[in-house]
Every structure is written in structure tokens, then in C-alpha cells.
Amino acid sequence: MAPPSLTIWDAVASAAYVFAVCVAFALARGALDPVGFAYYGVAAEWRTPVLLALLAALQVAWIGDAIVLGRRLKGAAQRALLVVAAIAGPFMMVVGLGQLDGWRYDHRSDVTNVAAGGAMMLMIAVVYAVRRWAFHTTRRA
């Protein structure tokens, strides 16, 4: 049985992925697209702050996961790969979401929204599945 601290950490880290799914859903719906106001031509743009908040949440989750997994791994090469993944992984994931959103924004249609949203959800699901696999395969007996 896992110690309570790891169970709590798993819930916290999983919340970052739930937030990622919510952000992907909002991006796919177009809810974060720039909105123009008549008042002095000011436009409200929520995409960047939300993606930066997602980057921060994923960075915390990946660093925490790297600490937990690093304590389980024996080799220096594995730990070095884990450090690189913890630093670059969240950034690459958010950039991927942003690229899909940019494509969706350029090709506005319902089909594009569904395709981009599906690709975003698939990317998040694959990364989360790899995370679960890493924790399962490194679990101490």
C-alpha cells in the first residue's frame, strides 16, 4: 500500500492534468479567443494567462513527480533523463496545446474545433498514461 503522502501527491498532480483537460476543452470551444470591446477598441485576451497558469501547474507536478521517481531510480543516467523531462516536458506539452489551438483558430469550423480538441485530449491522456506507467513500474515491492 502506498504511503498517504504519495496518495496525496498523486491527487495534487492529477489535479494539474484535470486543469489541463479543462484548458484544452476551453481552447477547443474557443472560449479563450480574443474578444473585442467597443470601449476604446480594447480586446480581452485570456489565452496567454491561462496557458501560463497551466505551465506553472504542470511544472510543479512534473518536478514533484521527478523527485518521487528520482528517489526510486538507481542509475545516474535515468535520473539525468528524468531531470531533462521534468524541465522540458511541461513546456513542450503547453507549446503543443498552443500550436493545436493556433491551428484551430486559423481554420475556424466545428470540425476543426472537434479535431483540435480531440488531439489535445489525446496528448494529455498519453502523457498522463506514461506518468501512471512510470509510477507503476518503479513501485517498490
N, C-alpha and C. Protein backbone atom coordinates (compact mmCIF):
# COMPACT_ATOMS: atom_id res chain seq x y z
N MET A 1 0.84 -1.19 0.00
CA MET A 1 0.00 0.00 0.00
C MET A 1 0.88 1.25 0.00
N ALA A 2 0.47 2.25 -0.75
CA ALA A 2 1.25 3.49 -0.87
C ALA A 2 1.11 4.32 0.40
N PRO A 3 2.21 4.99 0.79
CA PRO A 3 2.11 5.88 1.94
C PRO A 3 1.11 7.00 1.66
N PRO A 4 0.48 7.54 2.70
CA PRO A 4 -0.52 8.59 2.49
C PRO A 4 0.04 9.81 1.77
N SER A 5 1.32 10.12 2.00
CA SER A 5 1.89 11.30 1.34
C SER A 5 1.93 11.12 -0.17
N LEU A 6 2.21 9.90 -0.65
CA LEU A 6 2.20 9.66 -2.09
C LEU A 6 0.79 9.69 -2.65
N THR A 7 -0.18 9.24 -1.89
CA THR A 7 -1.56 9.30 -2.33
C THR A 7 -2.02 10.74 -2.44
N ILE A 8 -1.64 11.56 -1.49
CA ILE A 8 -1.97 12.98 -1.54
C ILE A 8 -1.27 13.63 -2.73
N TRP A 9 0.02 13.29 -2.93
CA TRP A 9 0.75 13.87 -4.06
C TRP A 9 0.11 13.45 -5.38
N ASP A 10 -0.31 12.21 -5.48
CA ASP A 10 -0.95 11.75 -6.71
C ASP A 10 -2.21 12.55 -6.99
N ALA A 11 -2.97 12.85 -5.97
CA ALA A 11 -4.19 13.66 -6.14
C ALA A 11 -3.85 15.08 -6.58
N VAL A 12 -2.80 15.66 -5.99
CA VAL A 12 -2.39 17.02 -6.37
C VAL A 12 -1.89 17.05 -7.80
N ALA A 13 -1.03 16.09 -8.16
CA ALA A 13 -0.50 16.05 -9.52
C ALA A 13 -1.61 15.75 -10.53
N SER A 14 -2.54 14.89 -10.17
CA SER A 14 -3.65 14.59 -11.07
C SER A 14 -4.52 15.82 -11.30
N ALA A 15 -4.61 16.69 -10.30
CA ALA A 15 -5.39 17.93 -10.45
C ALA A 15 -4.79 18.81 -11.54
N ALA A 16 -3.48 18.79 -11.70
CA ALA A 16 -2.85 19.57 -12.78
C ALA A 16 -3.30 19.04 -14.14
N TYR A 17 -3.45 17.74 -14.27
CA TYR A 17 -3.91 17.17 -15.54
C TYR A 17 -5.40 17.42 -15.76
N VAL A 18 -6.18 17.44 -14.70
CA VAL A 18 -7.59 17.82 -14.82
C VAL A 18 -7.69 19.27 -15.30
N PHE A 19 -6.83 20.14 -14.74
CA PHE A 19 -6.78 21.53 -15.20
C PHE A 19 -6.39 21.59 -16.67
N ALA A 20 -5.45 20.75 -17.09
CA ALA A 20 -5.04 20.71 -18.50
C ALA A 20 -6.21 20.30 -19.40
N VAL A 21 -7.01 19.34 -18.96
CA VAL A 21 -8.19 18.93 -19.73
C VAL A 21 -9.19 20.08 -19.82
N CYS A 22 -9.39 20.79 -18.72
CA CYS A 22 -10.30 21.95 -18.73
C CYS A 22 -9.81 23.03 -19.67
N VAL A 23 -8.51 23.29 -19.66
CA VAL A 23 -7.93 24.30 -20.56
C VAL A 23 -8.08 23.85 -22.01
N ALA A 24 -7.81 22.59 -22.29
CA ALA A 24 -7.94 22.08 -23.65
C ALA A 24 -9.39 22.19 -24.13
N PHE A 25 -10.33 21.88 -23.25
CA PHE A 25 -11.74 21.99 -23.61
C PHE A 25 -12.11 23.45 -23.89
N ALA A 26 -11.63 24.37 -23.06
CA ALA A 26 -11.91 25.79 -23.27
C ALA A 26 -11.27 26.29 -24.56
N LEU A 27 -10.06 25.83 -24.85
CA LEU A 27 -9.41 26.23 -26.10
C LEU A 27 -10.18 25.70 -27.31
N ALA A 28 -10.60 24.45 -27.24
CA ALA A 28 -11.30 23.84 -28.36
C ALA A 28 -12.66 24.50 -28.60
N ARG A 29 -13.31 24.96 -27.55
CA ARG A 29 -14.59 25.66 -27.70
C ARG A 29 -14.42 27.08 -28.22
N GLY A 30 -13.20 27.60 -28.10
CA GLY A 30 -12.97 28.99 -28.49
C GLY A 30 -13.28 29.96 -27.37
N ALA A 31 -13.41 29.45 -26.14
CA ALA A 31 -13.77 30.30 -25.00
C ALA A 31 -12.65 31.25 -24.62
N LEU A 32 -11.42 30.96 -25.02
CA LEU A 32 -10.29 31.81 -24.66
C LEU A 32 -9.82 32.68 -25.83
N ASP A 33 -10.59 32.70 -26.91
CA ASP A 33 -10.22 33.53 -28.05
C ASP A 33 -10.36 35.01 -27.69
N PRO A 34 -9.56 35.86 -28.33
CA PRO A 34 -9.65 37.31 -28.05
C PRO A 34 -11.05 37.84 -28.34
N VAL A 35 -11.52 38.71 -27.46
CA VAL A 35 -12.84 39.31 -27.60
C VAL A 35 -12.65 40.81 -27.66
N GLY A 36 -13.16 41.45 -28.71
CA GLY A 36 -13.05 42.90 -28.84
C GLY A 36 -14.21 43.61 -28.14
N PHE A 37 -13.91 44.72 -27.52
CA PHE A 37 -14.92 45.55 -26.87
C PHE A 37 -15.01 46.87 -27.61
N ALA A 38 -16.17 47.46 -27.61
CA ALA A 38 -16.35 48.75 -28.28
C ALA A 38 -15.63 49.87 -27.52
N TYR A 39 -15.40 49.68 -26.25
CA TYR A 39 -14.80 50.71 -25.42
C TYR A 39 -13.33 50.88 -25.77
N TYR A 40 -13.01 51.90 -26.54
CA TYR A 40 -11.65 52.24 -26.96
C TYR A 40 -10.92 51.12 -27.69
N GLY A 41 -11.65 50.18 -28.25
CA GLY A 41 -11.02 49.13 -29.03
C GLY A 41 -10.18 48.16 -28.22
N VAL A 42 -10.39 48.11 -26.92
CA VAL A 42 -9.61 47.21 -26.07
C VAL A 42 -10.10 45.78 -26.29
N ALA A 43 -9.16 44.86 -26.36
CA ALA A 43 -9.50 43.45 -26.54
C ALA A 43 -9.07 42.67 -25.30
N ALA A 44 -9.95 41.82 -24.83
CA ALA A 44 -9.62 40.94 -23.71
C ALA A 44 -9.07 39.64 -24.28
N GLU A 45 -7.92 39.23 -23.80
CA GLU A 45 -7.28 38.02 -24.29
C GLU A 45 -6.87 37.19 -23.08
N TRP A 46 -7.53 36.04 -22.92
CA TRP A 46 -7.29 35.18 -21.75
C TRP A 46 -6.40 34.00 -22.07
N ARG A 47 -6.09 33.79 -23.32
CA ARG A 47 -5.35 32.59 -23.72
C ARG A 47 -3.98 32.52 -23.05
N THR A 48 -3.21 33.60 -23.13
CA THR A 48 -1.84 33.59 -22.59
C THR A 48 -1.81 33.38 -21.08
N PRO A 49 -2.59 34.15 -20.29
CA PRO A 49 -2.53 33.91 -18.84
C PRO A 49 -2.97 32.50 -18.44
N VAL A 50 -3.95 31.95 -19.13
CA VAL A 50 -4.41 30.60 -18.79
C VAL A 50 -3.34 29.57 -19.16
N LEU A 51 -2.71 29.73 -20.31
CA LEU A 51 -1.65 28.79 -20.69
C LEU A 51 -0.44 28.90 -19.77
N LEU A 52 -0.13 30.11 -19.31
CA LEU A 52 0.98 30.26 -18.36
C LEU A 52 0.63 29.64 -17.01
N ALA A 53 -0.62 29.77 -16.58
CA ALA A 53 -1.05 29.12 -15.34
C ALA A 53 -0.97 27.60 -15.49
N LEU A 54 -1.35 27.09 -16.66
CA LEU A 54 -1.25 25.66 -16.92
C LEU A 54 0.21 25.22 -16.90
N LEU A 55 1.09 26.02 -17.51
CA LEU A 55 2.52 25.69 -17.49
C LEU A 55 3.04 25.62 -16.06
N ALA A 56 2.65 26.56 -15.22
CA ALA A 56 3.09 26.55 -13.82
C ALA A 56 2.58 25.31 -13.09
N ALA A 57 1.31 24.97 -13.29
CA ALA A 57 0.75 23.79 -12.63
C ALA A 57 1.44 22.51 -13.09
N LEU A 58 1.66 22.40 -14.40
CA LEU A 58 2.34 21.20 -14.91
C LEU A 58 3.79 21.15 -14.46
N GLN A 59 4.44 22.30 -14.38
CA GLN A 59 5.84 22.32 -13.94
C GLN A 59 5.95 21.82 -12.50
N VAL A 60 5.04 22.27 -11.65
CA VAL A 60 5.04 21.80 -10.25
C VAL A 60 4.78 20.30 -10.19
N ALA A 61 3.81 19.83 -10.98
CA ALA A 61 3.50 18.40 -10.98
C ALA A 61 4.68 17.58 -11.48
N TRP A 62 5.32 18.02 -12.55
CA TRP A 62 6.43 17.25 -13.12
C TRP A 62 7.65 17.28 -12.21
N ILE A 63 7.92 18.39 -11.58
CA ILE A 63 9.06 18.44 -10.66
C ILE A 63 8.80 17.54 -9.46
N GLY A 64 7.59 17.59 -8.91
CA GLY A 64 7.25 16.69 -7.81
C GLY A 64 7.35 15.23 -8.21
N ASP A 65 6.85 14.90 -9.40
CA ASP A 65 6.96 13.53 -9.89
C ASP A 65 8.41 13.13 -10.07
N ALA A 66 9.22 14.05 -10.57
CA ALA A 66 10.65 13.76 -10.77
C ALA A 66 11.34 13.48 -9.44
N ILE A 67 10.96 14.21 -8.41
CA ILE A 67 11.56 13.97 -7.09
C ILE A 67 11.18 12.57 -6.59
N VAL A 68 9.90 12.24 -6.70
CA VAL A 68 9.44 10.93 -6.23
C VAL A 68 10.08 9.81 -7.05
N LEU A 69 10.05 9.94 -8.37
CA LEU A 69 10.63 8.90 -9.22
C LEU A 69 12.15 8.84 -9.09
N GLY A 70 12.80 9.99 -8.92
CA GLY A 70 14.25 10.03 -8.77
C GLY A 70 14.72 9.28 -7.54
N ARG A 71 13.93 9.30 -6.49
CA ARG A 71 14.28 8.54 -5.29
C ARG A 71 14.17 7.04 -5.51
N ARG A 72 13.36 6.65 -6.48
CA ARG A 72 13.17 5.22 -6.76
C ARG A 72 14.21 4.67 -7.73
N LEU A 73 14.76 5.53 -8.58
CA LEU A 73 15.69 5.08 -9.62
C LEU A 73 17.11 4.97 -9.07
N LYS A 74 17.87 4.05 -9.63
CA LYS A 74 19.23 3.81 -9.16
C LYS A 74 20.28 4.49 -10.03
N GLY A 75 20.12 4.48 -11.33
CA GLY A 75 21.17 4.94 -12.24
C GLY A 75 21.20 6.45 -12.42
N ALA A 76 22.40 6.97 -12.60
CA ALA A 76 22.58 8.41 -12.83
C ALA A 76 22.02 8.82 -14.18
N ALA A 77 22.13 7.95 -15.17
CA ALA A 77 21.60 8.27 -16.50
C ALA A 77 20.08 8.39 -16.47
N GLN A 78 19.43 7.51 -15.72
CA GLN A 78 17.98 7.58 -15.59
C GLN A 78 17.55 8.86 -14.87
N ARG A 79 18.28 9.22 -13.84
CA ARG A 79 17.97 10.45 -13.12
C ARG A 79 18.20 11.69 -13.98
N ALA A 80 19.27 11.67 -14.79
CA ALA A 80 19.53 12.80 -15.68
C ALA A 80 18.41 12.94 -16.71
N LEU A 81 17.95 11.83 -17.25
CA LEU A 81 16.84 11.86 -18.20
C LEU A 81 15.58 12.38 -17.52
N LEU A 82 15.38 12.01 -16.29
CA LEU A 82 14.23 12.48 -15.52
C LEU A 82 14.28 13.99 -15.31
N VAL A 83 15.47 14.53 -15.03
CA VAL A 83 15.62 15.98 -14.85
C VAL A 83 15.30 16.71 -16.15
N VAL A 84 15.82 16.21 -17.26
CA VAL A 84 15.55 16.84 -18.55
C VAL A 84 14.05 16.79 -18.86
N ALA A 85 13.42 15.66 -18.59
CA ALA A 85 11.98 15.53 -18.84
C ALA A 85 11.18 16.48 -17.95
N ALA A 86 11.58 16.62 -16.69
CA ALA A 86 10.86 17.50 -15.76
C ALA A 86 10.97 18.96 -16.16
N ILE A 87 12.08 19.32 -16.78
CA ILE A 87 12.26 20.71 -17.19
C ILE A 87 11.57 20.98 -18.53
N ALA A 88 11.78 20.09 -19.50
CA ALA A 88 11.29 20.33 -20.86
C ALA A 88 9.86 19.83 -21.10
N GLY A 89 9.43 18.80 -20.40
CA GLY A 89 8.13 18.17 -20.65
C GLY A 89 6.94 19.11 -20.56
N PRO A 90 6.77 19.82 -19.45
CA PRO A 90 5.62 20.72 -19.36
C PRO A 90 5.63 21.80 -20.43
N PHE A 91 6.80 22.35 -20.71
CA PHE A 91 6.91 23.38 -21.74
C PHE A 91 6.49 22.83 -23.10
N MET A 92 6.99 21.64 -23.43
CA MET A 92 6.63 21.05 -24.73
C MET A 92 5.14 20.72 -24.80
N MET A 93 4.57 20.32 -23.68
CA MET A 93 3.15 20.00 -23.66
C MET A 93 2.30 21.25 -23.88
N VAL A 94 2.64 22.34 -23.22
CA VAL A 94 1.88 23.58 -23.38
C VAL A 94 2.09 24.16 -24.78
N VAL A 95 3.30 24.07 -25.30
CA VAL A 95 3.55 24.53 -26.67
C VAL A 95 2.73 23.70 -27.66
N GLY A 96 2.64 22.40 -27.44
CA GLY A 96 1.81 21.54 -28.30
C GLY A 96 0.35 21.95 -28.26
N LEU A 97 -0.16 22.22 -27.06
CA LEU A 97 -1.54 22.68 -26.94
C LEU A 97 -1.72 24.02 -27.66
N GLY A 98 -0.75 24.91 -27.49
CA GLY A 98 -0.82 26.21 -28.15
C GLY A 98 -0.78 26.10 -29.67
N GLN A 99 0.05 25.20 -30.20
CA GLN A 99 0.12 25.01 -31.64
C GLN A 99 -1.20 24.47 -32.18
N LEU A 100 -1.78 23.50 -31.48
CA LEU A 100 -3.08 22.99 -31.90
C LEU A 100 -4.15 24.07 -31.83
N ASP A 101 -4.09 24.90 -30.80
CA ASP A 101 -5.05 25.99 -30.69
C ASP A 101 -4.86 27.02 -31.80
N GLY A 102 -3.60 27.31 -32.15
CA GLY A 102 -3.35 28.23 -33.25
C GLY A 102 -3.89 27.70 -34.57
N TRP A 103 -3.72 26.40 -34.80
CA TRP A 103 -4.27 25.78 -36.00
C TRP A 103 -5.79 25.87 -35.99
N ARG A 104 -6.41 25.59 -34.84
CA ARG A 104 -7.86 25.66 -34.71
C ARG A 104 -8.36 27.08 -34.97
N TYR A 105 -7.63 28.07 -34.46
CA TYR A 105 -8.04 29.47 -34.61
C TYR A 105 -7.93 29.91 -36.06
N ASP A 106 -6.94 29.40 -36.79
CA ASP A 106 -6.77 29.77 -38.20
C ASP A 106 -7.79 29.10 -39.12
N HIS A 107 -8.31 27.95 -38.73
CA HIS A 107 -9.24 27.19 -39.56
C HIS A 107 -10.57 27.03 -38.82
N ARG A 108 -11.24 28.10 -38.65
CA ARG A 108 -12.46 28.10 -37.83
C ARG A 108 -13.58 27.30 -38.47
N SER A 109 -13.93 26.22 -37.81
CA SER A 109 -15.10 25.42 -38.16
C SER A 109 -15.37 24.47 -37.00
N ASP A 110 -16.55 23.91 -37.00
CA ASP A 110 -16.89 22.96 -35.94
C ASP A 110 -16.04 21.70 -36.01
N VAL A 111 -15.75 21.26 -37.23
CA VAL A 111 -14.93 20.06 -37.41
C VAL A 111 -13.52 20.31 -36.89
N THR A 112 -12.98 21.48 -37.16
CA THR A 112 -11.64 21.82 -36.68
C THR A 112 -11.62 21.89 -35.16
N ASN A 113 -12.65 22.46 -34.58
CA ASN A 113 -12.72 22.54 -33.11
C ASN A 113 -12.71 21.14 -32.50
N VAL A 114 -13.48 20.24 -33.07
CA VAL A 114 -13.55 18.87 -32.54
C VAL A 114 -12.21 18.16 -32.75
N ALA A 115 -11.62 18.33 -33.93
CA ALA A 115 -10.34 17.67 -34.21
C ALA A 115 -9.24 18.19 -33.30
N ALA A 116 -9.16 19.51 -33.14
CA ALA A 116 -8.13 20.08 -32.27
C ALA A 116 -8.37 19.67 -30.81
N GLY A 117 -9.61 19.72 -30.37
CA GLY A 117 -9.93 19.30 -29.01
C GLY A 117 -9.59 17.84 -28.77
N GLY A 118 -9.91 16.99 -29.74
CA GLY A 118 -9.58 15.57 -29.62
C GLY A 118 -8.08 15.33 -29.56
N ALA A 119 -7.33 16.06 -30.40
CA ALA A 119 -5.87 15.92 -30.38
C ALA A 119 -5.29 16.41 -29.06
N MET A 120 -5.84 17.49 -28.52
CA MET A 120 -5.36 18.00 -27.23
C MET A 120 -5.64 16.99 -26.12
N MET A 121 -6.85 16.44 -26.11
CA MET A 121 -7.21 15.45 -25.08
C MET A 121 -6.35 14.20 -25.20
N LEU A 122 -6.09 13.78 -26.43
CA LEU A 122 -5.25 12.61 -26.65
C LEU A 122 -3.83 12.85 -26.14
N MET A 123 -3.29 14.03 -26.40
CA MET A 123 -1.95 14.36 -25.94
C MET A 123 -1.89 14.33 -24.40
N ILE A 124 -2.86 14.93 -23.76
CA ILE A 124 -2.90 14.94 -22.29
C ILE A 124 -3.06 13.52 -21.75
N ALA A 125 -3.92 12.73 -22.37
CA ALA A 125 -4.15 11.36 -21.91
C ALA A 125 -2.89 10.51 -22.06
N VAL A 126 -2.16 10.67 -23.16
CA VAL A 126 -0.95 9.89 -23.35
C VAL A 126 0.10 10.26 -22.31
N VAL A 127 0.28 11.55 -22.06
CA VAL A 127 1.26 11.98 -21.06
C VAL A 127 0.87 11.47 -19.68
N TYR A 128 -0.41 11.54 -19.35
CA TYR A 128 -0.86 11.05 -18.04
C TYR A 128 -0.67 9.53 -17.93
N ALA A 129 -0.93 8.82 -19.02
CA ALA A 129 -0.75 7.36 -19.01
C ALA A 129 0.72 7.00 -18.83
N VAL A 130 1.62 7.74 -19.45
CA VAL A 130 3.05 7.49 -19.26
C VAL A 130 3.44 7.76 -17.81
N ARG A 131 2.88 8.82 -17.23
CA ARG A 131 3.13 9.12 -15.81
C ARG A 131 2.69 7.95 -14.93
N ARG A 132 1.49 7.45 -15.15
CA ARG A 132 0.97 6.34 -14.34
C ARG A 132 1.84 5.09 -14.55
N TRP A 133 2.27 4.84 -15.79
CA TRP A 133 3.13 3.70 -16.09
C TRP A 133 4.45 3.83 -15.33
N ALA A 134 5.04 5.03 -15.33
CA ALA A 134 6.33 5.23 -14.65
C ALA A 134 6.19 4.98 -13.15
N PHE A 135 5.11 5.43 -12.56
CA PHE A 135 4.91 5.19 -11.13
C PHE A 135 4.66 3.73 -10.85
N HIS A 136 3.94 3.06 -11.75
CA HIS A 136 3.64 1.64 -11.54
C HIS A 136 4.88 0.78 -11.68
N THR A 137 5.71 1.06 -12.67
CA THR A 137 6.89 0.21 -12.90
C THR A 137 8.02 0.47 -11.91
N THR A 138 8.02 1.61 -11.26
CA THR A 138 9.08 1.89 -10.29
C THR A 138 8.63 1.67 -8.85
N ARG A 139 7.42 1.20 -8.68
CA ARG A 139 6.90 0.98 -7.32
C ARG A 139 7.72 -0.08 -6.61
N ARG A 140 8.04 0.20 -5.37
CA ARG A 140 8.79 -0.76 -4.55
C ARG A 140 7.85 -1.81 -4.01
N ALA A 141 8.35 -3.01 -4.00
CA ALA A 141 7.51 -4.12 -3.50
C ALA A 141 7.52 -4.17 -1.99
